[in-house]
Amino acid sequence: MPLITFRLKYTGPVPGVNLGLREWNNLKKEAWRATGVYWHVNIVKKHFTRRGAREYGYTPRQKHYEIWKAMTTGQTEPLVFSGELREACRTAGIHPTGKSVRVTLPNAQKANLQSPKSDVNMRAELTRFSDEDIEVLTNVWEDAFEKLLEGVRTVQIRDVVAGMTLMAPTQSAMSGT
């Protein structure tokens, strides 16, 4: 399903942090995981609302289909007929790397169905991002990364302080010279 990715420009060391490449990538990976979880928990459900249909620019449904759907199901929400697709989207696989996150909806096969008589592509509609979504997801990534980085700074500062207080006295300090 959607691949969420941003450009991150890193120049020079981060003050108070001494990280190797592996640790740095693990921090980015965890920030990506938080971004993917946020998309799944907060943004996917907007796709099943009329507001979401306007925001994401869904293909207009044919008038006779809307009337038939309203009479058959009692509702006209987009991407919802029986509610199976909406329920299927409750399960997601979050697959982060150091550079992006891929969110899969393994039970949402119904999104791949397409009538040969219609231009509606439910999968494309379900995986669209609005400008607002991109801004929010960028903020989620940045906040998660800052919290993770702050955690590393705190641990390293504690290690330095602990190392200084637990350091054994040198031989010259013991002899008084």
N, C-alpha and C. Protein backbone atom coordinates (compact mmCIF):
# COMPACT_ATOMS: atom_id res chain seq x y z
N MET A 1 0.85 -1.18 0.00
CA MET A 1 0.00 0.00 0.00
C MET A 1 0.90 1.24 0.00
N PRO A 2 0.64 2.23 0.82
CA PRO A 2 1.42 3.46 0.67
C PRO A 2 2.84 3.33 1.19
N LEU A 3 3.74 3.96 0.46
CA LEU A 3 5.12 4.07 0.90
C LEU A 3 5.30 5.52 1.30
N ILE A 4 5.59 5.74 2.56
CA ILE A 4 5.75 7.09 3.09
C ILE A 4 7.24 7.36 3.21
N THR A 5 7.69 8.44 2.62
CA THR A 5 9.11 8.76 2.68
C THR A 5 9.33 10.26 2.67
N PHE A 6 10.36 10.72 3.34
CA PHE A 6 10.74 12.13 3.36
C PHE A 6 12.23 12.21 3.10
N ARG A 7 12.69 13.38 2.73
CA ARG A 7 14.13 13.62 2.62
C ARG A 7 14.63 14.13 3.96
N LEU A 8 15.73 13.55 4.41
CA LEU A 8 16.37 13.98 5.65
C LEU A 8 17.79 14.36 5.31
N LYS A 9 18.14 15.59 5.57
CA LYS A 9 19.51 16.04 5.31
C LYS A 9 20.23 16.09 6.64
N TYR A 10 21.29 15.35 6.75
CA TYR A 10 22.08 15.27 7.98
C TYR A 10 23.46 15.83 7.70
N THR A 11 23.82 16.86 8.42
CA THR A 11 25.15 17.45 8.24
C THR A 11 25.81 17.58 9.60
N GLY A 12 26.85 16.81 9.80
CA GLY A 12 27.63 16.94 11.01
C GLY A 12 27.03 16.25 12.22
N PRO A 13 27.78 16.25 13.31
CA PRO A 13 27.32 15.57 14.51
C PRO A 13 26.19 16.33 15.22
N VAL A 14 25.37 15.57 15.91
CA VAL A 14 24.30 16.15 16.73
C VAL A 14 24.89 16.43 18.10
N PRO A 15 24.73 17.65 18.61
CA PRO A 15 25.31 18.00 19.92
C PRO A 15 24.83 17.07 21.02
N GLY A 16 25.76 16.55 21.79
CA GLY A 16 25.42 15.70 22.93
C GLY A 16 25.16 14.25 22.56
N VAL A 17 25.35 13.88 21.30
CA VAL A 17 25.05 12.52 20.87
C VAL A 17 26.26 11.96 20.13
N ASN A 18 26.64 10.75 20.50
CA ASN A 18 27.73 10.06 19.82
C ASN A 18 27.18 8.74 19.32
N LEU A 19 26.69 8.72 18.09
CA LEU A 19 26.04 7.54 17.55
C LEU A 19 26.80 6.99 16.35
N GLY A 20 26.80 5.69 16.25
CA GLY A 20 27.31 5.05 15.05
C GLY A 20 26.21 5.02 14.01
N LEU A 21 26.55 4.61 12.80
CA LEU A 21 25.58 4.57 11.70
C LEU A 21 24.41 3.64 12.02
N ARG A 22 24.68 2.49 12.62
CA ARG A 22 23.62 1.53 12.93
C ARG A 22 22.62 2.13 13.94
N GLU A 23 23.14 2.75 14.98
CA GLU A 23 22.26 3.36 15.98
C GLU A 23 21.45 4.50 15.38
N TRP A 24 22.10 5.30 14.54
CA TRP A 24 21.44 6.42 13.87
C TRP A 24 20.28 5.89 13.01
N ASN A 25 20.53 4.84 12.22
CA ASN A 25 19.49 4.27 11.37
C ASN A 25 18.38 3.63 12.19
N ASN A 26 18.73 3.04 13.33
CA ASN A 26 17.69 2.46 14.20
C ASN A 26 16.77 3.54 14.75
N LEU A 27 17.34 4.70 15.09
CA LEU A 27 16.50 5.81 15.55
C LEU A 27 15.55 6.26 14.44
N LYS A 28 16.09 6.41 13.24
CA LYS A 28 15.24 6.82 12.11
C LYS A 28 14.17 5.76 11.84
N LYS A 29 14.54 4.50 11.94
CA LYS A 29 13.58 3.41 11.71
C LYS A 29 12.42 3.47 12.71
N GLU A 30 12.73 3.74 13.96
CA GLU A 30 11.68 3.84 14.98
C GLU A 30 10.79 5.07 14.74
N ALA A 31 11.38 6.15 14.26
CA ALA A 31 10.57 7.33 13.93
C ALA A 31 9.65 7.01 12.75
N TRP A 32 10.15 6.25 11.78
CA TRP A 32 9.31 5.84 10.66
C TRP A 32 8.18 4.93 11.14
N ARG A 33 8.49 4.04 12.09
CA ARG A 33 7.45 3.16 12.62
C ARG A 33 6.33 3.99 13.24
N ALA A 34 6.69 5.00 14.02
CA ALA A 34 5.68 5.88 14.64
C ALA A 34 4.85 6.59 13.58
N THR A 35 5.48 6.99 12.48
CA THR A 35 4.76 7.65 11.39
C THR A 35 3.78 6.70 10.73
N GLY A 36 4.21 5.47 10.48
CA GLY A 36 3.32 4.47 9.88
C GLY A 36 2.14 4.14 10.77
N VAL A 37 2.40 4.01 12.05
CA VAL A 37 1.31 3.72 13.00
C VAL A 37 0.32 4.89 13.03
N TYR A 38 0.85 6.11 13.04
CA TYR A 38 -0.03 7.29 13.04
C TYR A 38 -0.92 7.29 11.79
N TRP A 39 -0.33 7.02 10.63
CA TRP A 39 -1.13 6.98 9.39
C TRP A 39 -2.24 5.94 9.52
N HIS A 40 -1.89 4.76 10.02
CA HIS A 40 -2.88 3.69 10.10
C HIS A 40 -3.99 4.01 11.11
N VAL A 41 -3.62 4.55 12.25
CA VAL A 41 -4.60 4.80 13.31
C VAL A 41 -5.46 6.02 13.03
N ASN A 42 -4.86 7.09 12.49
CA ASN A 42 -5.57 8.37 12.39
C ASN A 42 -6.01 8.78 10.99
N ILE A 43 -5.29 8.38 9.97
CA ILE A 43 -5.58 8.89 8.64
C ILE A 43 -6.40 7.94 7.79
N VAL A 44 -6.19 6.65 7.92
CA VAL A 44 -6.95 5.69 7.09
C VAL A 44 -8.45 5.87 7.26
N LYS A 45 -8.89 6.08 8.48
CA LYS A 45 -10.34 6.18 8.71
C LYS A 45 -10.97 7.39 8.02
N LYS A 46 -10.17 8.44 7.75
CA LYS A 46 -10.71 9.60 7.03
C LYS A 46 -11.13 9.22 5.61
N HIS A 47 -10.50 8.21 5.04
CA HIS A 47 -10.81 7.80 3.67
C HIS A 47 -12.23 7.24 3.54
N PHE A 48 -12.84 6.87 4.63
CA PHE A 48 -14.18 6.28 4.59
C PHE A 48 -15.27 7.29 4.93
N THR A 49 -14.97 8.57 4.81
CA THR A 49 -15.95 9.62 5.11
C THR A 49 -16.17 10.49 3.86
N ARG A 50 -17.29 11.19 3.84
CA ARG A 50 -17.56 12.10 2.71
C ARG A 50 -16.53 13.24 2.68
N ARG A 51 -16.14 13.71 3.86
CA ARG A 51 -15.10 14.75 3.94
C ARG A 51 -13.81 14.24 3.31
N GLY A 52 -13.47 12.99 3.59
CA GLY A 52 -12.27 12.38 3.02
C GLY A 52 -12.37 12.26 1.51
N ALA A 53 -13.55 11.93 1.01
CA ALA A 53 -13.74 11.82 -0.44
C ALA A 53 -13.47 13.16 -1.12
N ARG A 54 -13.90 14.25 -0.48
CA ARG A 54 -13.62 15.58 -1.04
C ARG A 54 -12.14 15.92 -0.90
N GLU A 55 -11.58 15.65 0.28
CA GLU A 55 -10.18 15.99 0.55
C GLU A 55 -9.22 15.25 -0.39
N TYR A 56 -9.51 13.98 -0.66
CA TYR A 56 -8.62 13.17 -1.48
C TYR A 56 -9.01 13.13 -2.95
N GLY A 57 -10.07 13.82 -3.32
CA GLY A 57 -10.47 13.93 -4.72
C GLY A 57 -10.90 12.60 -5.34
N TYR A 58 -11.77 11.88 -4.66
CA TYR A 58 -12.24 10.61 -5.19
C TYR A 58 -13.00 10.81 -6.50
N THR A 59 -12.97 9.80 -7.34
CA THR A 59 -13.74 9.81 -8.57
C THR A 59 -15.22 9.86 -8.22
N PRO A 60 -15.98 10.79 -8.82
CA PRO A 60 -17.41 10.85 -8.51
C PRO A 60 -18.11 9.54 -8.92
N ARG A 61 -18.98 9.07 -8.06
CA ARG A 61 -19.76 7.87 -8.36
C ARG A 61 -20.95 8.27 -9.23
N GLN A 62 -21.41 7.32 -10.02
CA GLN A 62 -22.56 7.60 -10.87
C GLN A 62 -23.80 7.79 -10.01
N LYS A 63 -24.66 8.71 -10.44
CA LYS A 63 -25.84 9.08 -9.66
C LYS A 63 -26.74 7.87 -9.38
N HIS A 64 -26.97 7.06 -10.40
CA HIS A 64 -27.85 5.90 -10.19
C HIS A 64 -27.23 4.91 -9.20
N TYR A 65 -25.89 4.81 -9.16
CA TYR A 65 -25.23 3.94 -8.18
C TYR A 65 -25.44 4.48 -6.76
N GLU A 66 -25.28 5.80 -6.58
CA GLU A 66 -25.48 6.42 -5.26
C GLU A 66 -26.90 6.18 -4.75
N ILE A 67 -27.88 6.34 -5.64
CA ILE A 67 -29.28 6.12 -5.26
C ILE A 67 -29.50 4.66 -4.88
N TRP A 68 -29.00 3.74 -5.72
CA TRP A 68 -29.17 2.31 -5.45
C TRP A 68 -28.47 1.92 -4.14
N LYS A 69 -27.26 2.46 -3.90
CA LYS A 69 -26.52 2.16 -2.68
C LYS A 69 -27.28 2.66 -1.44
N ALA A 70 -27.84 3.87 -1.53
CA ALA A 70 -28.60 4.42 -0.41
C ALA A 70 -29.83 3.57 -0.11
N MET A 71 -30.51 3.11 -1.15
CA MET A 71 -31.71 2.28 -0.93
C MET A 71 -31.32 0.90 -0.41
N THR A 72 -30.22 0.35 -0.87
CA THR A 72 -29.81 -1.00 -0.49
C THR A 72 -29.20 -1.05 0.91
N THR A 73 -28.29 -0.09 1.21
CA THR A 73 -27.54 -0.16 2.47
C THR A 73 -27.96 0.90 3.49
N GLY A 74 -28.66 1.94 3.05
CA GLY A 74 -29.07 2.99 3.96
C GLY A 74 -27.99 4.03 4.23
N GLN A 75 -26.90 4.01 3.47
CA GLN A 75 -25.82 4.98 3.65
C GLN A 75 -25.13 5.22 2.30
N THR A 76 -24.38 6.32 2.22
CA THR A 76 -23.67 6.64 0.97
C THR A 76 -22.21 7.01 1.24
N GLU A 77 -21.62 6.49 2.29
CA GLU A 77 -20.22 6.79 2.58
C GLU A 77 -19.32 6.17 1.51
N PRO A 78 -18.26 6.88 1.14
CA PRO A 78 -17.37 6.36 0.10
C PRO A 78 -16.56 5.17 0.59
N LEU A 79 -16.23 4.28 -0.33
CA LEU A 79 -15.45 3.07 -0.07
C LEU A 79 -16.15 2.11 0.89
N VAL A 80 -17.43 2.35 1.18
CA VAL A 80 -18.15 1.48 2.10
C VAL A 80 -19.43 1.01 1.42
N PHE A 81 -19.57 -0.30 1.31
CA PHE A 81 -20.85 -0.86 0.89
C PHE A 81 -21.35 -1.75 2.02
N SER A 82 -20.62 -2.83 2.27
CA SER A 82 -21.00 -3.71 3.37
C SER A 82 -20.24 -3.38 4.65
N GLY A 83 -19.16 -2.62 4.54
CA GLY A 83 -18.33 -2.30 5.69
C GLY A 83 -17.14 -3.24 5.82
N GLU A 84 -17.06 -4.24 4.92
CA GLU A 84 -15.96 -5.21 5.01
C GLU A 84 -14.60 -4.57 4.77
N LEU A 85 -14.50 -3.67 3.80
CA LEU A 85 -13.22 -3.02 3.51
C LEU A 85 -12.77 -2.17 4.69
N ARG A 86 -13.70 -1.42 5.26
CA ARG A 86 -13.36 -0.58 6.42
C ARG A 86 -12.88 -1.46 7.57
N GLU A 87 -13.53 -2.57 7.83
CA GLU A 87 -13.11 -3.50 8.88
C GLU A 87 -11.75 -4.11 8.56
N ALA A 88 -11.55 -4.45 7.29
CA ALA A 88 -10.28 -5.08 6.89
C ALA A 88 -9.10 -4.13 7.07
N CYS A 89 -9.34 -2.84 7.02
CA CYS A 89 -8.27 -1.85 7.17
C CYS A 89 -7.85 -1.66 8.62
N ARG A 90 -8.49 -2.36 9.53
CA ARG A 90 -8.10 -2.25 10.94
C ARG A 90 -6.79 -2.99 11.22
N THR A 91 -6.43 -3.92 10.35
CA THR A 91 -5.20 -4.67 10.50
C THR A 91 -4.17 -4.12 9.52
N ALA A 92 -3.00 -3.81 10.01
CA ALA A 92 -1.95 -3.28 9.14
C ALA A 92 -0.61 -3.87 9.51
N GLY A 93 0.24 -3.94 8.50
CA GLY A 93 1.64 -4.30 8.72
C GLY A 93 2.46 -3.04 8.56
N ILE A 94 3.27 -2.71 9.54
CA ILE A 94 4.11 -1.52 9.50
C ILE A 94 5.55 -2.01 9.26
N HIS A 95 6.15 -1.60 8.14
CA HIS A 95 7.47 -2.08 7.76
C HIS A 95 8.42 -0.90 7.58
N PRO A 96 9.07 -0.45 8.68
CA PRO A 96 9.97 0.70 8.58
C PRO A 96 11.38 0.30 8.18
N THR A 97 12.07 1.22 7.54
CA THR A 97 13.50 1.12 7.30
C THR A 97 14.10 2.43 7.79
N GLY A 98 15.36 2.63 7.56
CA GLY A 98 15.98 3.89 7.95
C GLY A 98 15.60 5.04 7.06
N LYS A 99 14.98 4.75 5.90
CA LYS A 99 14.66 5.80 4.93
C LYS A 99 13.16 5.99 4.67
N SER A 100 12.33 5.03 5.04
CA SER A 100 10.90 5.14 4.74
C SER A 100 10.13 4.13 5.58
N VAL A 101 8.83 4.13 5.37
CA VAL A 101 7.98 3.12 5.99
C VAL A 101 6.96 2.67 4.95
N ARG A 102 6.70 1.38 4.93
CA ARG A 102 5.67 0.84 4.05
C ARG A 102 4.58 0.27 4.95
N VAL A 103 3.37 0.71 4.70
CA VAL A 103 2.23 0.23 5.48
C VAL A 103 1.40 -0.67 4.57
N THR A 104 1.21 -1.91 4.99
CA THR A 104 0.40 -2.84 4.20
C THR A 104 -0.91 -3.08 4.92
N LEU A 105 -1.94 -3.26 4.15
CA LEU A 105 -3.26 -3.60 4.67
C LEU A 105 -3.59 -4.99 4.12
N PRO A 106 -3.09 -6.04 4.77
CA PRO A 106 -3.16 -7.38 4.19
C PRO A 106 -4.56 -7.94 4.00
N ASN A 107 -5.51 -7.48 4.76
CA ASN A 107 -6.88 -8.01 4.65
C ASN A 107 -7.76 -7.18 3.73
N ALA A 108 -7.22 -6.15 3.13
CA ALA A 108 -8.03 -5.21 2.34
C ALA A 108 -8.00 -5.53 0.85
N GLN A 109 -8.15 -6.80 0.50
CA GLN A 109 -8.13 -7.18 -0.90
C GLN A 109 -9.29 -6.58 -1.68
N LYS A 110 -10.39 -6.27 -1.01
CA LYS A 110 -11.54 -5.68 -1.71
C LYS A 110 -11.20 -4.36 -2.37
N ALA A 111 -10.18 -3.68 -1.88
CA ALA A 111 -9.77 -2.41 -2.48
C ALA A 111 -9.23 -2.62 -3.90
N ASN A 112 -8.81 -3.83 -4.21
CA ASN A 112 -8.27 -4.12 -5.53
C ASN A 112 -9.36 -4.42 -6.57
N LEU A 113 -10.59 -4.62 -6.12
CA LEU A 113 -11.68 -4.91 -7.05
C LEU A 113 -12.05 -3.66 -7.83
N GLN A 114 -12.31 -3.83 -9.11
CA GLN A 114 -12.68 -2.69 -9.94
C GLN A 114 -13.67 -3.16 -11.00
N SER A 115 -14.77 -2.45 -11.12
CA SER A 115 -15.76 -2.77 -12.13
C SER A 115 -15.23 -2.33 -13.49
N PRO A 116 -15.40 -3.16 -14.50
CA PRO A 116 -14.95 -2.76 -15.84
C PRO A 116 -15.78 -1.60 -16.39
N LYS A 117 -16.95 -1.34 -15.80
CA LYS A 117 -17.83 -0.26 -16.27
C LYS A 117 -17.54 1.07 -15.56
N SER A 118 -16.57 1.08 -14.63
CA SER A 118 -16.34 2.26 -13.81
C SER A 118 -14.87 2.68 -13.84
N ASP A 119 -14.64 3.97 -13.64
CA ASP A 119 -13.28 4.49 -13.54
C ASP A 119 -12.79 4.54 -12.10
N VAL A 120 -13.59 4.08 -11.16
CA VAL A 120 -13.25 4.14 -9.74
C VAL A 120 -12.15 3.12 -9.43
N ASN A 121 -11.07 3.60 -8.83
CA ASN A 121 -9.97 2.74 -8.39
C ASN A 121 -9.87 2.90 -6.88
N MET A 122 -10.52 1.97 -6.16
CA MET A 122 -10.59 2.09 -4.70
C MET A 122 -9.21 2.02 -4.05
N ARG A 123 -8.31 1.23 -4.60
CA ARG A 123 -6.98 1.12 -4.02
C ARG A 123 -6.24 2.46 -4.10
N ALA A 124 -6.32 3.10 -5.26
CA ALA A 124 -5.67 4.41 -5.42
C ALA A 124 -6.30 5.44 -4.49
N GLU A 125 -7.62 5.38 -4.34
CA GLU A 125 -8.30 6.33 -3.46
C GLU A 125 -7.91 6.10 -2.00
N LEU A 126 -7.80 4.85 -1.59
CA LEU A 126 -7.49 4.51 -0.21
C LEU A 126 -6.06 4.90 0.17
N THR A 127 -5.17 4.98 -0.79
CA THR A 127 -3.77 5.26 -0.48
C THR A 127 -3.33 6.67 -0.85
N ARG A 128 -4.26 7.56 -1.12
CA ARG A 128 -3.91 8.94 -1.43
C ARG A 128 -3.57 9.72 -0.17
N PHE A 129 -2.70 10.73 -0.37
CA PHE A 129 -2.33 11.64 0.71
C PHE A 129 -2.74 13.04 0.32
N SER A 130 -3.25 13.79 1.27
CA SER A 130 -3.52 15.21 1.04
C SER A 130 -2.30 16.00 1.50
N ASP A 131 -2.25 17.28 1.14
CA ASP A 131 -1.16 18.13 1.60
C ASP A 131 -1.15 18.21 3.13
N GLU A 132 -2.34 18.25 3.71
CA GLU A 132 -2.46 18.28 5.17
C GLU A 132 -1.88 17.02 5.79
N ASP A 133 -2.16 15.85 5.17
CA ASP A 133 -1.61 14.59 5.67
C ASP A 133 -0.09 14.60 5.65
N ILE A 134 0.46 15.10 4.57
CA ILE A 134 1.93 15.12 4.45
C ILE A 134 2.54 16.01 5.52
N GLU A 135 1.91 17.13 5.77
CA GLU A 135 2.41 18.03 6.82
C GLU A 135 2.32 17.38 8.20
N VAL A 136 1.20 16.74 8.47
CA VAL A 136 1.00 16.09 9.77
C VAL A 136 2.00 14.94 9.94
N LEU A 137 2.16 14.12 8.91
CA LEU A 137 3.08 12.99 9.00
C LEU A 137 4.53 13.45 9.16
N THR A 138 4.87 14.54 8.51
CA THR A 138 6.21 15.11 8.67
C THR A 138 6.43 15.51 10.12
N ASN A 139 5.43 16.17 10.71
CA ASN A 139 5.53 16.57 12.12
C ASN A 139 5.60 15.37 13.05
N VAL A 140 4.84 14.32 12.74
CA VAL A 140 4.88 13.10 13.56
C VAL A 140 6.28 12.51 13.53
N TRP A 141 6.87 12.43 12.32
CA TRP A 141 8.21 11.87 12.20
C TRP A 141 9.22 12.70 12.99
N GLU A 142 9.16 14.01 12.80
CA GLU A 142 10.11 14.90 13.48
C GLU A 142 9.97 14.81 15.00
N ASP A 143 8.74 14.80 15.50
CA ASP A 143 8.51 14.71 16.95
C ASP A 143 9.03 13.38 17.50
N ALA A 144 8.73 12.29 16.79
CA ALA A 144 9.18 10.97 17.23
C ALA A 144 10.71 10.91 17.23
N PHE A 145 11.33 11.43 16.19
CA PHE A 145 12.79 11.40 16.10
C PHE A 145 13.42 12.24 17.20
N GLU A 146 12.85 13.42 17.46
CA GLU A 146 13.38 14.27 18.53
C GLU A 146 13.28 13.58 19.89
N LYS A 147 12.16 12.92 20.16
CA LYS A 147 12.00 12.22 21.44
C LYS A 147 13.01 11.08 21.56
N LEU A 148 13.19 10.33 20.47
CA LEU A 148 14.17 9.24 20.49
C LEU A 148 15.58 9.78 20.69
N LEU A 149 15.90 10.86 20.01
CA LEU A 149 17.21 11.47 20.12
C LEU A 149 17.43 12.02 21.52
N GLU A 150 16.41 12.61 22.11
CA GLU A 150 16.51 13.12 23.47
C GLU A 150 16.75 11.98 24.45
N GLY A 151 16.11 10.83 24.20
CA GLY A 151 16.34 9.66 25.03
C GLY A 151 17.79 9.20 24.97
N VAL A 152 18.38 9.25 23.79
CA VAL A 152 19.79 8.87 23.63
C VAL A 152 20.67 9.87 24.35
N ARG A 153 20.38 11.15 24.21
CA ARG A 153 21.18 12.18 24.91
C ARG A 153 21.13 11.96 26.41
N THR A 154 19.94 11.70 26.94
CA THR A 154 19.78 11.49 28.37
C THR A 154 20.59 10.29 28.82
N VAL A 155 20.52 9.19 28.10
CA VAL A 155 21.27 7.98 28.46
C VAL A 155 22.76 8.26 28.42
N GLN A 156 23.22 8.95 27.37
CA GLN A 156 24.65 9.22 27.26
C GLN A 156 25.13 10.16 28.37
N ILE A 157 24.35 11.15 28.71
CA ILE A 157 24.72 12.05 29.80
C ILE A 157 24.78 11.27 31.11
N ARG A 158 23.80 10.39 31.34
CA ARG A 158 23.82 9.56 32.55
C ARG A 158 25.05 8.68 32.57
N ASP A 159 25.41 8.08 31.42
CA ASP A 159 26.59 7.23 31.35
C ASP A 159 27.85 8.02 31.69
N VAL A 160 27.94 9.23 31.17
CA VAL A 160 29.12 10.06 31.44
C VAL A 160 29.18 10.39 32.92
N VAL A 161 28.07 10.81 33.50
CA VAL A 161 28.04 11.15 34.92
C VAL A 161 28.33 9.90 35.75
N ALA A 162 27.70 8.79 35.41
CA ALA A 162 27.94 7.56 36.15
C ALA A 162 29.39 7.13 36.02
N GLY A 163 29.95 7.27 34.83
CA GLY A 163 31.35 6.90 34.62
C GLY A 163 32.28 7.76 35.45
N MET A 164 31.93 9.01 35.60
CA MET A 164 32.79 9.91 36.38
C MET A 164 32.68 9.60 37.87
N THR A 165 31.51 9.27 38.34
CA THR A 165 31.35 9.02 39.77
C THR A 165 31.84 7.64 40.15
N LEU A 166 31.81 6.70 39.22
CA LEU A 166 32.22 5.34 39.54
C LEU A 166 33.69 5.08 39.19
N MET A 167 34.36 6.09 38.63
CA MET A 167 35.73 5.91 38.21
C MET A 167 36.62 5.65 39.43
N ALA A 168 37.45 4.64 39.31
CA ALA A 168 38.36 4.32 40.41
C ALA A 168 39.47 5.35 40.47
N PRO A 169 39.92 5.71 41.64
CA PRO A 169 41.01 6.68 41.75
C PRO A 169 42.29 6.12 41.15
N THR A 170 43.07 6.99 40.56
CA THR A 170 44.34 6.57 39.96
C THR A 170 45.36 6.32 41.04
N GLN A 171 46.46 5.67 40.67
CA GLN A 171 47.51 5.35 41.61
C GLN A 171 48.13 6.64 42.19
N SER A 172 48.28 7.68 41.34
CA SER A 172 48.89 8.92 41.83
C SER A 172 47.98 9.63 42.81
N ALA A 173 46.69 9.51 42.62
CA ALA A 173 45.75 10.15 43.55
C ALA A 173 45.76 9.44 44.88
N MET A 174 45.98 8.13 44.86
CA MET A 174 45.99 7.35 46.10
C MET A 174 47.25 7.64 46.91
N SER A 175 48.37 7.87 46.22
CA SER A 175 49.62 8.09 46.95
C SER A 175 49.75 9.52 47.43
N GLY A 176 48.89 10.42 46.94
CA GLY A 176 48.90 11.80 47.39
C GLY A 176 49.89 12.66 46.63
N THR A 177 50.46 12.16 45.53
CA THR A 177 51.39 12.98 44.75
C THR A 177 50.74 13.57 43.55
